[in-house]
Amino acid sequence: MAFLGAIQAGLIAVPLMVPQPGTHDERVSAVLADTGPAVVLTTSTAAAAVDEYLQRAHGATPAVIEVDALSLDDPNPPGIRVSDAPSIAYLQYTSGSTRLPAGVMVSHRNLHVNFQQLMAAYFPDFNGVAPRDSVCVSWLPFYHDMGLMQGVIAPILGGYPGVLTSPVAFLQRPARWIQAMAQAVPVFSAAPNFAFELAARKSTDADLAGLDLGNIISIVSGAERIHPATLDRFCKRFAPYNFREDMMQPSYGLAEATVYVASRAQAGAPKVVHFDPEKLAEGNAQPSSTRTGSPLLSYGVPQSPTVRIVDPDTGTQCPHGTVGEIWVHGDNVADGYWQKPEETQRTFGAVLADPSPGTPEGPWLRTGDLGFLCDGELFIVGRMKDLLIVYGRNHYPEDIESTVQTITGGRVAAISVPVDETEKLVTIIELKNRGDSGEHGQRGLDALKNDVTAAISDSHGLNVADLVLVAPGSIPTTTSGKIRRAACVERYRRQQFTRLDA
């Protein structure tokens, strides 16, 4: 209600999480300093905490309005004319895994265009329109791009109801999400990779008794690196309840492109291709003849928006099968970052050198993501800034993490740490169950470390300098669940991880 009210009033909305009482939230403070809001809309439950945070952190405070305490019987003032409304609908602040958050200026046109693009991809059998009587189920927070689109914007633009619950409710009992999708009408939903892992591991048979998931149209997986092993575990766990592999919809996007860029539009299970890890480290994508190597998900053949793979140093297009930076062009791409002209030009104003026929020269959005095209389909290998260089060779941390997760199932962070003037690989692993803390438990941890070490060596030709076993929640992440690798390196160097294998 607050988000829609701000837009109707002709203001630029800024979705933001509620800070915890008595804490300092760097993200919240950075956004408040960047925007200088005239008014803060919140609920009566959170108003005291919000007001206290504003006074403590910023001195002079904007007005705080409790939207659920407003009288709905009062006459509404006339709305602003469309011609007077700002072109910017809202500022979507990035998660800031490698830098301070920046406010992406998402326009009303960006929203409408990207909605049409994602609907065409997610509902190709229904001419880009959700089936009659469809319901959207979401627990995602509204202050993230996927949650805002999935839970608020898409139901309004598409004209279908949304069944909404809170992220806390999901984290307390992941089965609530599954139960909400067991409906007698067509259902679709979306979540990041970790949610599929939690739901598969934490949902009990008692939670699922009597459920029928056969009416699910699709569940979009996005917002963070998607691990094929996680999707496989999810599909197998819920197959007895009529869940099918073809209901999974791996999707790629980012806030700078509103939310959606590419997705598998073909029928059938998610497509996983194994690539030679040594060739991949050299920047060449060569499919493996066997089911060994680096498993990567296909995000389909990009249709709209336009996607190209580009050499980030020369600005020239890469041939198929060559790893480069993913560039995006289309009316869904935002105009830039709020009050950051230099960063806007760097990120949103890229120009191709000698573009191929039919390819615009610019402007292009530089995503900072590395990927390639194979048989016309898009594959993603990781973030440019996260690239690990160990013994002079490039390695993609997400690739290593995916290998480890097939064994452990929990969150994994692969980082490089300087040791004796060289960079060495350190892998931090969250364990779901510590088990026995005595001699038997230690033997289990040792066996696990041996398995992980062997898997990394076999799949990536790398020796691990250190394996750090920690409890769930130990690896620092952004609010959207992305690993903060720089923070991991700093915490490791300061010996601040509480090790289960100590």
Foldseek 3Di string as FASTA:
>chain_A
DVLVVCQQQQHAAADDDQDDAPDDDQQVLVVCVQPVDQEAEAAPVRQVRNVVNCCVRPNDHHHYHHVVPDDPPDDDDDTDDPVSHDQFSYWQWFLQLPHHTFTFRFGPLLLVVVLQVVLCQLCVVVNSADDPQEEEEEQDDCSHLVRVCRAPVNCVVRVYYYHYDHPVVCVVPVLVSVQVQQDPAAYEYEAELVSLLCNLPRQDCVSCPPGANQRYSAYEYEPEAHFPLSLVSSCVSCVVRVDDQQRYKYFYAGVQLSGGWFIARDGDHWDKFAFQQVCVLVFFGDTDPDPAAFIWTWRFQTDPFDKFFAAPVQLEGDDARGKGWIKTDDSSGTQATRPDVVVRCVAQQQAHDPDDPPDHRDDIGGPQWIWGADPNIITTQGGVVQWDQFPNITDGQVRLQSLLCSQAVFGKGWHWADDPNTTFIEMEGAHADQPDLDPVSLVVVVVSVVVSQVSCCVHNVHGHPYYFYAHPPQFDDGPSRHGSRVVVRVCVVVVNGDGSND
